[in-house]
Amino acid sequence: MELIQIVGLIIILFALTRVIKQIKKKSMELEEGIFWLFVWLLALLIVIFPNFMSYLATVLGVGRGVDVIIYLSIILLFYLVYRIYARLEKLEREITKIVREIAIRDRYEPKKRD
């Protein structure tokens, strides 16, 4: 096993333990936790079996295994940016709704001044 594989294993195992800890503490939703467990387990398999990526590159018609990892990483990043954008839009709608409700309530129930 190469030094880079050992370093990768340590980082991945640390990330896996953090995800599991967050799921147990319920500071991460179960669906998100499963997603991140899948991502880190996939990374673990890539580190343990690096030749698989070369095989996958051949099957997909890509030059090298590293290129497959880069392409998949870019796709994953775009997906995550989309999820963040969708969540941000939802939060903005919720904040707007709350602010409107407060404004309407305060109009009909003015605060008493001391």
Protein backbone atom coordinates (compact mmCIF):
# COMPACT_ATOMS: atom_id res chain seq x y z
CA MET A 1 0.00 0.00 0.00
CA GLU A 2 1.34 3.40 -1.01
CA LEU A 3 1.76 6.29 1.41
CA ILE A 4 -0.94 8.31 -0.40
CA GLN A 5 -3.37 5.43 0.10
CA ILE A 6 -2.64 5.33 3.82
CA VAL A 7 -3.15 9.09 4.12
CA GLY A 8 -6.37 8.80 2.09
CA LEU A 9 -7.62 5.98 4.31
CA ILE A 10 -7.00 8.01 7.46
CA ILE A 11 -8.83 11.03 6.07
CA ILE A 12 -11.75 8.95 4.79
CA LEU A 13 -12.11 7.00 8.04
CA PHE A 14 -12.09 10.28 9.97
CA ALA A 15 -14.80 11.68 7.67
CA LEU A 16 -16.88 8.51 8.04
CA THR A 17 -16.72 8.70 11.83
CA ARG A 18 -17.78 12.38 11.72
CA VAL A 19 -20.77 11.57 9.51
CA ILE A 20 -21.84 8.69 11.76
CA LYS A 21 -21.46 10.90 14.83
CA GLN A 22 -23.59 13.64 13.25
CA ILE A 23 -26.30 11.14 12.31
CA LYS A 24 -26.38 9.77 15.86
CA LYS A 25 -26.55 13.28 17.36
CA LYS A 26 -29.29 14.11 14.82
CA SER A 27 -27.39 17.19 13.72
CA MET A 28 -27.62 15.82 10.18
CA GLU A 29 -30.74 14.51 8.47
CA LEU A 30 -30.75 10.78 7.79
CA GLU A 31 -31.02 11.24 4.01
CA GLU A 32 -28.02 13.57 3.97
CA GLY A 33 -26.11 11.20 6.23
CA ILE A 34 -26.77 8.27 3.91
CA PHE A 35 -25.65 10.37 0.95
CA TRP A 36 -22.37 11.32 2.67
CA LEU A 37 -21.80 7.75 3.88
CA PHE A 38 -22.18 6.61 0.27
CA VAL A 39 -19.74 9.28 -0.96
CA TRP A 40 -17.09 8.41 1.65
CA LEU A 41 -17.52 4.66 1.19
CA LEU A 42 -17.09 5.14 -2.54
CA ALA A 43 -13.94 7.16 -1.86
CA LEU A 44 -12.73 4.35 0.41
CA LEU A 45 -13.21 1.80 -2.37
CA ILE A 46 -11.34 4.04 -4.81
CA VAL A 47 -8.41 4.37 -2.41
CA ILE A 48 -8.30 0.64 -1.66
CA PHE A 49 -8.79 -0.44 -5.31
CA PRO A 50 -7.19 2.29 -7.46
CA ASN A 51 -7.08 0.04 -10.55
CA PHE A 52 -10.87 0.02 -10.61
CA MET A 53 -10.86 3.65 -11.71
CA SER A 54 -8.61 2.78 -14.65
CA TYR A 55 -11.04 0.02 -15.61
CA LEU A 56 -13.98 2.43 -15.26
CA ALA A 57 -12.13 5.01 -17.39
CA THR A 58 -11.71 2.41 -20.14
CA VAL A 59 -15.40 1.47 -19.96
CA LEU A 60 -16.49 5.13 -20.07
CA GLY A 61 -14.03 6.04 -22.81
CA VAL A 62 -12.06 8.47 -20.66
CA GLY A 63 -8.27 8.64 -20.80
CA ARG A 64 -7.28 7.94 -17.19
CA GLY A 65 -8.82 6.88 -13.91
CA VAL A 66 -7.97 10.25 -12.38
CA ASP A 67 -10.00 11.95 -15.11
CA VAL A 68 -13.05 9.90 -14.11
CA ILE A 69 -12.62 11.02 -10.51
CA ILE A 70 -12.34 14.67 -11.60
CA TYR A 71 -15.43 14.44 -13.83
CA LEU A 72 -17.46 12.73 -11.12
CA SER A 73 -16.28 15.28 -8.55
CA ILE A 74 -17.35 18.17 -10.76
CA ILE A 75 -20.77 16.58 -11.27
CA LEU A 76 -21.09 16.04 -7.51
CA LEU A 77 -20.11 19.65 -6.83
CA PHE A 78 -22.71 20.95 -9.29
CA TYR A 79 -25.32 18.79 -7.59
CA LEU A 80 -24.35 20.11 -4.16
CA VAL A 81 -24.43 23.72 -5.37
CA TYR A 82 -27.91 23.05 -6.75
CA ARG A 83 -29.04 21.63 -3.38
CA ILE A 84 -27.64 24.65 -1.54
CA TYR A 85 -29.36 27.00 -4.01
CA ALA A 86 -32.70 25.21 -3.58
CA ARG A 87 -32.40 25.29 0.21
CA LEU A 88 -31.48 28.99 0.16
CA GLU A 89 -34.49 29.80 -2.01
CA LYS A 90 -36.75 27.90 0.41
CA LEU A 91 -35.30 29.79 3.38
CA GLU A 92 -35.83 33.12 1.61
CA ARG A 93 -39.49 32.25 0.98
CA GLU A 94 -39.96 31.23 4.63
CA ILE A 95 -38.33 34.43 5.91
CA THR A 96 -40.51 36.53 3.60
CA LYS A 97 -43.63 34.77 4.87
CA ILE A 98 -42.64 35.29 8.52
CA VAL A 99 -41.81 38.97 7.98
CA ARG A 100 -45.18 39.52 6.26
CA GLU A 101 -47.03 37.81 9.12
CA ILE A 102 -45.20 39.94 11.70
CA ALA A 103 -45.91 43.12 9.73
CA ILE A 104 -49.62 42.30 9.50
CA ARG A 105 -49.79 41.37 13.18
CA ASP A 106 -48.01 44.55 14.26
CA ARG A 107 -50.30 46.69 12.13
CA TYR A 108 -53.39 45.44 13.90
CA GLU A 109 -51.80 44.90 17.29
CA PRO A 110 -49.47 47.88 17.80
CA LYS A 111 -46.86 47.54 20.50
CA LYS A 112 -47.46 49.48 23.69
CA ARG A 113 -44.81 52.07 24.32
CA ASP A 114 -43.45 52.46 27.82
